[in-house]
PDB file of N, CA and C in Angstrom:
ATOM      1  N   MET A   1      35.453 -33.324  -4.812  1.00  0.00           N
ATOM      2  CA  MET A   1      34.719 -34.152  -3.884  1.00  0.00           C
ATOM      3  C   MET A   1      34.157 -35.363  -4.634  1.00  0.00           C
ATOM      4  N   CYS A   2      34.208 -36.501  -4.003  1.00  0.00           N
ATOM      5  CA  CYS A   2      33.751 -37.752  -4.604  1.00  0.00           C
ATOM      6  C   CYS A   2      32.225 -37.790  -4.681  1.00  0.00           C
ATOM      7  N   PRO A   3      31.677 -38.063  -5.882  1.00  0.00           N
ATOM      8  CA  PRO A   3      30.222 -38.134  -6.025  1.00  0.00           C
ATOM      9  C   PRO A   3      29.642 -39.520  -5.719  1.00  0.00           C
ATOM     10  N   HIS A   4      30.490 -40.488  -5.399  1.00  0.00           N
ATOM     11  CA  HIS A   4      30.026 -41.859  -5.200  1.00  0.00           C
ATOM     12  C   HIS A   4      29.468 -42.077  -3.802  1.00  0.00           C
ATOM     13  N   ASP A   5      28.579 -43.054  -3.704  1.00  0.00           N
ATOM     14  CA  ASP A   5      27.997 -43.419  -2.423  1.00  0.00           C
ATOM     15  C   ASP A   5      28.144 -44.924  -2.249  1.00  0.00           C
ATOM     16  N   PRO A   6      28.932 -45.388  -1.327  1.00  0.00           N
ATOM     17  CA  PRO A   6      29.730 -44.637  -0.361  1.00  0.00           C
ATOM     18  C   PRO A   6      30.908 -43.944  -1.048  1.00  0.00           C
ATOM     19  N   SER A   7      31.439 -42.930  -0.377  1.00  0.00           N
ATOM     20  CA  SER A   7      32.543 -42.156  -0.934  1.00  0.00           C
ATOM     21  C   SER A   7      33.792 -43.008  -1.088  1.00  0.00           C
ATOM     22  N   CYS A   8      34.572 -42.691  -2.115  1.00  0.00           N
ATOM     23  CA  CYS A   8      35.849 -43.373  -2.340  1.00  0.00           C
ATOM     24  C   CYS A   8      36.843 -42.943  -1.266  1.00  0.00           C
ATOM     25  N   PRO A   9      37.798 -43.818  -0.936  1.00  0.00           N
ATOM     26  CA  PRO A   9      38.827 -43.427   0.033  1.00  0.00           C
ATOM     27  C   PRO A   9      39.649 -42.269  -0.521  1.00  0.00           C
ATOM     28  N   ASN A  10      40.102 -41.384   0.363  1.00  0.00           N
ATOM     29  CA  ASN A  10      40.894 -40.260  -0.122  1.00  0.00           C
ATOM     30  C   ASN A  10      42.303 -40.713  -0.488  1.00  0.00           C
ATOM     31  N   ALA A  11      43.065 -39.828  -1.097  1.00  0.00           N
ATOM     32  CA  ALA A  11      44.386 -40.166  -1.625  1.00  0.00           C
ATOM     33  C   ALA A  11      45.396 -40.496  -0.536  1.00  0.00           C
ATOM     34  N   GLU A  12      45.157 -40.068   0.705  1.00  0.00           N
ATOM     35  CA  GLU A  12      46.084 -40.346   1.800  1.00  0.00           C
ATOM     36  C   GLU A  12      45.755 -41.640   2.527  1.00  0.00           C
ATOM     37  N   ALA A  13      44.599 -42.234   2.246  1.00  0.00           N
ATOM     38  CA  ALA A  13      44.173 -43.451   2.933  1.00  0.00           C
ATOM     39  C   ALA A  13      44.988 -44.660   2.477  1.00  0.00           C
ATOM     40  N   LYS A  14      45.138 -45.627   3.362  1.00  0.00           N
ATOM     41  CA  LYS A  14      45.877 -46.855   3.014  1.00  0.00           C
ATOM     42  C   LYS A  14      45.181 -47.620   1.895  1.00  0.00           C
ATOM     43  N   ASP A  15      43.853 -47.539   1.824  1.00  0.00           N
ATOM     44  CA  ASP A  15      43.101 -48.255   0.795  1.00  0.00           C
ATOM     45  C   ASP A  15      42.762 -47.360  -0.402  1.00  0.00           C
ATOM     46  N   ARG A  16      43.614 -46.372  -0.699  1.00  0.00           N
ATOM     47  CA  ARG A  16      43.366 -45.403  -1.776  1.00  0.00           C
ATOM     48  C   ARG A  16      43.150 -46.064  -3.131  1.00  0.00           C
ATOM     49  N   GLU A  17      43.714 -47.248  -3.347  1.00  0.00           N
ATOM     50  CA  GLU A  17      43.563 -47.950  -4.625  1.00  0.00           C
ATOM     51  C   GLU A  17      42.147 -48.485  -4.833  1.00  0.00           C
ATOM     52  N   ALA A  18      41.327 -48.467  -3.786  1.00  0.00           N
ATOM     53  CA  ALA A  18      39.950 -48.945  -3.886  1.00  0.00           C
ATOM     54  C   ALA A  18      39.012 -47.902  -4.494  1.00  0.00           C
ATOM     55  N   ALA A  19      39.506 -46.693  -4.736  1.00  0.00           N
ATOM     56  CA  ALA A  19      38.675 -45.652  -5.359  1.00  0.00           C
ATOM     57  C   ALA A  19      38.298 -46.079  -6.782  1.00  0.00           C
ATOM     58  N   ARG A  20      37.198 -45.584  -7.246  1.00  0.00           N
ATOM     59  CA  ARG A  20      36.726 -45.940  -8.595  1.00  0.00           C
ATOM     60  C   ARG A  20      37.587 -45.293  -9.677  1.00  0.00           C
ATOM     61  N   THR A  21      37.715 -46.007 -10.780  1.00  0.00           N
ATOM     62  CA  THR A  21      38.462 -45.506 -11.931  1.00  0.00           C
ATOM     63  C   THR A  21      37.588 -44.522 -12.693  1.00  0.00           C
ATOM     64  N   VAL A  22      38.132 -43.335 -12.978  1.00  0.00           N
ATOM     65  CA  VAL A  22      37.397 -42.342 -13.756  1.00  0.00           C
ATOM     66  C   VAL A  22      37.954 -42.201 -15.169  1.00  0.00           C
ATOM     67  N   ALA A  23      39.203 -42.613 -15.383  1.00  0.00           N
ATOM     68  CA  ALA A  23      39.801 -42.606 -16.722  1.00  0.00           C
ATOM     69  C   ALA A  23      40.804 -43.747 -16.786  1.00  0.00           C
ATOM     70  N   ALA A  24      40.618 -44.644 -17.749  1.00  0.00           N
ATOM     71  CA  ALA A  24      41.514 -45.788 -17.897  1.00  0.00           C
ATOM     72  C   ALA A  24      42.241 -45.691 -19.234  1.00  0.00           C
ATOM     73  N   HIS A  25      43.540 -45.873 -19.183  1.00  0.00           N
ATOM     74  CA  HIS A  25      44.371 -45.869 -20.391  1.00  0.00           C
ATOM     75  C   HIS A  25      45.307 -47.070 -20.354  1.00  0.00           C
ATOM     76  N   PRO A  26      44.749 -48.285 -20.489  1.00  0.00           N
ATOM     77  CA  PRO A  26      45.581 -49.494 -20.401  1.00  0.00           C
ATOM     78  C   PRO A  26      46.651 -49.554 -21.494  1.00  0.00           C
ATOM     79  N   GLU A  27      46.393 -48.926 -22.626  1.00  0.00           N
ATOM     80  CA  GLU A  27      47.391 -48.910 -23.703  1.00  0.00           C
ATOM     81  C   GLU A  27      48.618 -48.089 -23.313  1.00  0.00           C
ATOM     82  N   GLN A  28      48.452 -47.188 -22.351  1.00  0.00           N
ATOM     83  CA  GLN A  28      49.561 -46.380 -21.855  1.00  0.00           C
ATOM     84  C   GLN A  28      50.023 -46.837 -20.476  1.00  0.00           C
ATOM     85  N   GLY A  29      49.276 -47.742 -19.856  1.00  0.00           N
ATOM     86  CA  GLY A  29      49.686 -48.327 -18.590  1.00  0.00           C
ATOM     87  C   GLY A  29      49.298 -47.566 -17.341  1.00  0.00           C
ATOM     88  N   TRP A  30      48.242 -46.743 -17.399  1.00  0.00           N
ATOM     89  CA  TRP A  30      47.833 -45.998 -16.213  1.00  0.00           C
ATOM     90  C   TRP A  30      46.342 -45.772 -16.183  1.00  0.00           C
ATOM     91  N   SER A  31      45.854 -45.478 -14.966  1.00  0.00           N
ATOM     92  CA  SER A  31      44.448 -45.137 -14.754  1.00  0.00           C
ATOM     93  C   SER A  31      44.373 -44.006 -13.732  1.00  0.00           C
ATOM     94  N   LEU A  32      43.377 -43.158 -13.888  1.00  0.00           N
ATOM     95  CA  LEU A  32      43.117 -42.083 -12.932  1.00  0.00           C
ATOM     96  C   LEU A  32      41.958 -42.507 -12.050  1.00  0.00           C
ATOM     97  N   LEU A  33      42.177 -42.443 -10.747  1.00  0.00           N
ATOM     98  CA  LEU A  33      41.134 -42.814  -9.797  1.00  0.00           C
ATOM     99  C   LEU A  33      40.357 -41.588  -9.343  1.00  0.00           C
ATOM    100  N   CYS A  34      39.186 -41.803  -8.790  1.00  0.00           N
ATOM    101  CA  CYS A  34      38.296 -40.734  -8.344  1.00  0.00           C
ATOM    102  C   CYS A  34      38.967 -39.801  -7.338  1.00  0.00           C
ATOM    103  N   ASN A  35      39.880 -40.331  -6.545  1.00  0.00           N
ATOM    104  CA  ASN A  35      40.546 -39.534  -5.517  1.00  0.00           C
ATOM    105  C   ASN A  35      41.763 -38.771  -6.034  1.00  0.00           C
ATOM    106  N   GLY A  36      41.995 -38.800  -7.347  1.00  0.00           N
ATOM    107  CA  GLY A  36      43.100 -38.058  -7.947  1.00  0.00           C
ATOM    108  C   GLY A  36      44.392 -38.828  -8.059  1.00  0.00           C
ATOM    109  N   VAL A  37      44.419 -40.064  -7.610  1.00  0.00           N
ATOM    110  CA  VAL A  37      45.612 -40.902  -7.690  1.00  0.00           C
ATOM    111  C   VAL A  37      45.753 -41.443  -9.108  1.00  0.00           C
ATOM    112  N   VAL A  38      46.975 -41.372  -9.647  1.00  0.00           N
ATOM    113  CA  VAL A  38      47.273 -42.024 -10.921  1.00  0.00           C
ATOM    114  C   VAL A  38      47.892 -43.367 -10.556  1.00  0.00           C
ATOM    115  N   LEU A  39      47.247 -44.443 -10.990  1.00  0.00           N
ATOM    116  CA  LEU A  39      47.682 -45.798 -10.686  1.00  0.00           C
ATOM    117  C   LEU A  39      48.298 -46.393 -11.944  1.00  0.00           C
ATOM    118  N   PHE A  40      49.549 -46.855 -11.833  1.00  0.00           N
ATOM    119  CA  PHE A  40      50.260 -47.426 -12.975  1.00  0.00           C
ATOM    120  C   PHE A  40      50.145 -48.945 -12.969  1.00  0.00           C
ATOM    121  N   GLU A  41      50.263 -49.564 -14.147  1.00  0.00           N
ATOM    122  CA  GLU A  41      50.086 -51.013 -14.256  1.00  0.00           C
ATOM    123  C   GLU A  41      51.133 -51.798 -13.472  1.00  0.00           C
ATOM    124  N   ASP A  42      52.273 -51.202 -13.160  1.00  0.00           N
ATOM    125  CA  ASP A  42      53.285 -51.901 -12.364  1.00  0.00           C
ATOM    126  C   ASP A  42      53.027 -51.744 -10.869  1.00  0.00           C
ATOM    127  N   THR A  43      51.875 -51.213 -10.498  1.00  0.00           N
ATOM    128  CA  THR A  43      51.386 -50.951  -9.137  1.00  0.00           C
ATOM    129  C   THR A  43      52.029 -49.727  -8.488  1.00  0.00           C
ATOM    130  N   GLY A  44      52.802 -48.956  -9.225  1.00  0.00           N
ATOM    131  CA  GLY A  44      53.281 -47.679  -8.723  1.00  0.00           C
ATOM    132  C   GLY A  44      52.134 -46.683  -8.725  1.00  0.00           C
ATOM    133  N   GLU A  45      52.294 -45.603  -7.965  1.00  0.00           N
ATOM    134  CA  GLU A  45      51.237 -44.597  -7.866  1.00  0.00           C
ATOM    135  C   GLU A  45      51.836 -43.201  -7.838  1.00  0.00           C
ATOM    136  N   LEU A  46      51.067 -42.253  -8.333  1.00  0.00           N
ATOM    137  CA  LEU A  46      51.400 -40.841  -8.228  1.00  0.00           C
ATOM    138  C   LEU A  46      50.225 -40.185  -7.519  1.00  0.00           C
ATOM    139  N   LEU A  47      50.488 -39.644  -6.340  1.00  0.00           N
ATOM    140  CA  LEU A  47      49.430 -39.013  -5.554  1.00  0.00           C
ATOM    141  C   LEU A  47      49.209 -37.580  -6.024  1.00  0.00           C
ATOM    142  N   PRO A  48      48.031 -37.025  -5.750  1.00  0.00           N
ATOM    143  CA  PRO A  48      47.730 -35.659  -6.202  1.00  0.00           C
ATOM    144  C   PRO A  48      48.713 -34.605  -5.696  1.00  0.00           C
ATOM    145  N   ASN A  49      49.357 -34.844  -4.554  1.00  0.00           N
ATOM    146  CA  ASN A  49      50.301 -33.870  -4.011  1.00  0.00           C
ATOM    147  C   ASN A  49      51.711 -34.044  -4.576  1.00  0.00           C
ATOM    148  N   GLY A  50      51.878 -34.962  -5.538  1.00  0.00           N
ATOM    149  CA  GLY A  50      53.169 -35.169  -6.193  1.00  0.00           C
ATOM    150  C   GLY A  50      54.021 -36.268  -5.596  1.00  0.00           C
ATOM    151  N   VAL A  51      53.565 -36.873  -4.519  1.00  0.00           N
ATOM    152  CA  VAL A  51      54.313 -37.963  -3.899  1.00  0.00           C
ATOM    153  C   VAL A  51      54.239 -39.203  -4.790  1.00  0.00           C
ATOM    154  N   VAL A  52      55.393 -39.851  -4.962  1.00  0.00           N
ATOM    155  CA  VAL A  52      55.469 -41.066  -5.768  1.00  0.00           C
ATOM    156  C   VAL A  52      55.510 -42.268  -4.832  1.00  0.00           C
ATOM    157  N   ILE A  53      54.665 -43.248  -5.094  1.00  0.00           N
ATOM    158  CA  ILE A  53      54.665 -44.506  -4.354  1.00  0.00           C
ATOM    159  C   ILE A  53      55.275 -45.551  -5.280  1.00  0.00           C
ATOM    160  N   ALA A  54      56.369 -46.169  -4.829  1.00  0.00           N
ATOM    161  CA  ALA A  54      57.059 -47.174  -5.646  1.00  0.00           C
ATOM    162  C   ALA A  54      56.160 -48.384  -5.883  1.00  0.00           C
ATOM    163  N   PRO A  55      56.381 -49.101  -6.980  1.00  0.00           N
ATOM    164  CA  PRO A  55      55.608 -50.326  -7.227  1.00  0.00           C
ATOM    165  C   PRO A  55      55.682 -51.253  -6.018  1.00  0.00           C
ATOM    166  N   HIS A  56      54.566 -51.884  -5.712  1.00  0.00           N
ATOM    167  CA  HIS A  56      54.490 -52.750  -4.538  1.00  0.00           C
ATOM    168  C   HIS A  56      53.680 -53.997  -4.863  1.00  0.00           C
ATOM    169  N   ARG A  57      54.286 -54.827  -5.670  1.00  0.00           N
ATOM    170  CA  ARG A  57      53.635 -56.077  -6.045  1.00  0.00           C
ATOM    171  C   ARG A  57      53.690 -57.069  -4.890  1.00  0.00           C
ATOM    172  N   PRO A  58      52.675 -57.914  -4.744  1.00  0.00           N
ATOM    173  CA  PRO A  58      52.680 -58.913  -3.659  1.00  0.00           C
ATOM    174  C   PRO A  58      53.907 -59.831  -3.725  1.00  0.00           C
ATOM    175  N   THR A  59      54.437 -60.083  -4.912  1.00  0.00           N
ATOM    176  CA  THR A  59      55.605 -60.958  -5.030  1.00  0.00           C
ATOM    177  C   THR A  59      56.843 -60.290  -4.440  1.00  0.00           C
ATOM    178  N   ASP A  60      56.897 -58.940  -4.413  1.00  0.00           N
ATOM    179  CA  ASP A  60      58.015 -58.242  -3.798  1.00  0.00           C
ATOM    180  C   ASP A  60      58.085 -58.539  -2.307  1.00  0.00           C
ATOM    181  N   LEU A  61      56.940 -58.672  -1.664  1.00  0.00           N
ATOM    182  CA  LEU A  61      56.896 -58.958  -0.235  1.00  0.00           C
ATOM    183  C   LEU A  61      57.412 -60.358   0.051  1.00  0.00           C
ATOM    184  N   ALA A  62      57.084 -61.319  -0.813  1.00  0.00           N
ATOM    185  CA  ALA A  62      57.506 -62.700  -0.600  1.00  0.00           C
ATOM    186  C   ALA A  62      59.019 -62.832  -0.724  1.00  0.00           C
ATOM    187  N   SER A  63      59.627 -62.145  -1.663  1.00  0.00           N
ATOM    188  CA  SER A  63      61.069 -62.259  -1.859  1.00  0.00           C
ATOM    189  C   SER A  63      61.847 -61.544  -0.767  1.00  0.00           C
ATOM    190  N   SER A  64      61.293 -60.487  -0.194  1.00  0.00           N
ATOM    191  CA  SER A  64      62.003 -59.771   0.872  1.00  0.00           C
ATOM    192  C   SER A  64      61.884 -60.501   2.205  1.00  0.00           C
ATOM    193  N   ALA A  65      60.901 -61.386   2.352  1.00  0.00           N
ATOM    194  CA  ALA A  65      60.732 -62.124   3.588  1.00  0.00           C
ATOM    195  C   ALA A  65      61.678 -63.315   3.659  1.00  0.00           C
ATOM    196  N   ALA A  66      62.186 -63.763   2.551  1.00  0.00           N
ATOM    197  CA  ALA A  66      63.049 -64.963   2.517  1.00  0.00           C
ATOM    198  C   ALA A  66      64.462 -64.655   2.956  1.00  0.00           C
TER     199      ALA A  66
END
């Protein structure tokens, strides 16, 4: 359970990346968020249930719209 006030978004929420960082390892390219999400520097994510979210950089959206 999140100890923060207000509580961090859960791992299933669309804004899950807004959760606070509890462990940062920039030398390895990842951070652990309060909600259990592992956030990678390439914007990929690993959710606590094992689901992988592919990198989703804003520039990817611009190139797919063209």
